[in-house]
Amino acid sequence: MTLEQLTDHLSEQLSISKVQAHEVVHVLTKQITQALLAGDRVSLPGLGSLSVGVRKARSGRNPRTGETIQIAERKVVKFSASSQLSGTLNPGAK
């Protein structure tokens, strides 16, 4: 689903303009980003949770030259699907 498709769907479901729907999506993503920057965990019931993790520094290889390089430590966003979402995607599975 693209941003345009999401805003179209929101504007229809909430009976608001597409501009307002786009603003809703923008505000939501901004708030989630700010929470993650603060180190908070973001929980979206029925969907899952987002948190910040750290990928440790490691050695890698340049695919063109084969030279060994150092890859720096970095922060990554982790997503854990809720059991409700997992159950919806995999009906009958335990």
Protein backbone atom coordinates (compact mmCIF):
# COMPACT_ATOMS: atom_id res chain seq x y z
CA MET A 1 0.00 0.00 0.00
CA THR A 2 1.33 3.38 -0.98
CA LEU A 3 0.92 6.68 0.88
CA GLU A 4 -1.60 7.79 -1.74
CA GLN A 5 -3.66 4.61 -1.32
CA LEU A 6 -3.57 4.96 2.47
CA THR A 7 -4.69 8.60 2.41
CA ASP A 8 -7.46 7.77 -0.09
CA HIS A 9 -8.71 4.99 2.18
CA LEU A 10 -8.54 7.20 5.29
CA SER A 11 -10.39 10.05 3.61
CA GLU A 12 -13.18 7.68 2.56
CA GLN A 13 -13.44 5.89 5.92
CA LEU A 14 -13.32 9.06 8.04
CA SER A 15 -15.22 11.34 5.61
CA ILE A 16 -12.40 13.87 5.56
CA SER A 17 -10.50 15.48 2.71
CA LYS A 18 -7.45 13.82 1.21
CA VAL A 19 -5.33 16.72 2.47
CA GLN A 20 -6.55 16.11 6.03
CA ALA A 21 -5.94 12.36 5.66
CA HIS A 22 -2.40 13.03 4.45
CA GLU A 23 -1.84 15.29 7.48
CA VAL A 24 -3.09 12.53 9.81
CA VAL A 25 -0.57 10.07 8.34
CA HIS A 26 2.20 12.70 8.52
CA VAL A 27 1.49 13.50 12.18
CA LEU A 28 1.31 9.80 13.07
CA THR A 29 4.66 8.96 11.46
CA LYS A 30 6.25 12.04 13.04
CA GLN A 31 5.04 11.02 16.52
CA ILE A 32 6.25 7.44 16.08
CA THR A 33 9.65 8.70 14.90
CA GLN A 34 9.97 11.05 17.88
CA ALA A 35 9.07 8.27 20.31
CA LEU A 36 11.67 5.95 18.78
CA LEU A 37 14.30 8.71 18.90
CA ALA A 38 13.55 9.09 22.62
CA GLY A 39 14.17 5.36 23.07
CA ASP A 40 10.53 4.52 23.71
CA ARG A 41 8.74 1.43 22.47
CA VAL A 42 5.70 2.12 20.26
CA SER A 43 2.84 -0.33 20.65
CA LEU A 44 0.06 -0.41 18.07
CA PRO A 45 -2.65 -2.80 19.32
CA GLY A 46 -3.68 -5.33 16.70
CA LEU A 47 -0.63 -4.53 14.56
CA GLY A 48 2.53 -4.89 16.64
CA SER A 49 5.26 -2.92 18.33
CA LEU A 50 8.25 -0.93 17.17
CA SER A 51 11.44 -0.52 19.16
CA VAL A 52 15.02 0.58 18.60
CA GLY A 53 17.78 -2.01 18.63
CA VAL A 54 21.51 -1.83 18.08
CA ARG A 55 23.35 -3.73 15.38
CA LYS A 56 26.90 -4.27 16.64
CA ALA A 57 29.96 -3.24 14.68
CA ARG A 58 31.26 -6.02 12.46
CA SER A 59 33.62 -6.86 9.64
CA GLY A 60 32.28 -6.96 6.11
CA ARG A 61 33.58 -7.39 2.63
CA ASN A 62 33.47 -5.00 -0.31
CA PRO A 63 31.79 -7.07 -3.05
CA ARG A 64 33.70 -5.36 -5.86
CA THR A 65 37.22 -5.58 -4.46
CA GLY A 66 36.89 -8.32 -1.86
CA GLU A 67 38.59 -5.98 0.62
CA THR A 68 37.66 -6.43 4.29
CA ILE A 69 35.99 -3.35 5.77
CA GLN A 70 34.67 -2.37 9.19
CA ILE A 71 30.95 -1.72 9.41
CA ALA A 72 30.13 0.68 12.24
CA GLU A 73 27.57 0.05 14.98
CA ARG A 74 24.14 1.42 14.11
CA LYS A 75 20.63 1.73 15.43
CA VAL A 76 17.86 -0.21 13.70
CA VAL A 77 14.08 -0.31 14.04
CA LYS A 78 12.69 -3.66 15.16
CA PHE A 79 9.09 -4.68 14.46
CA SER A 80 7.31 -7.42 16.37
CA ALA A 81 3.93 -8.42 14.98
CA SER A 82 1.09 -8.79 17.47
CA SER A 83 -0.40 -12.21 18.05
CA GLN A 84 -3.65 -10.89 16.57
CA LEU A 85 -1.91 -9.94 13.30
CA SER A 86 0.02 -13.21 13.20
CA GLY A 87 -3.20 -15.14 13.76
CA THR A 88 -4.94 -13.23 10.97
CA LEU A 89 -2.08 -13.94 8.55
CA ASN A 90 -1.79 -17.59 9.57
CA PRO A 91 -5.27 -18.89 10.38
CA GLY A 92 -5.27 -22.26 12.12
CA ALA A 93 -1.54 -22.10 12.96
CA LYS A 94 -0.40 -22.16 16.56
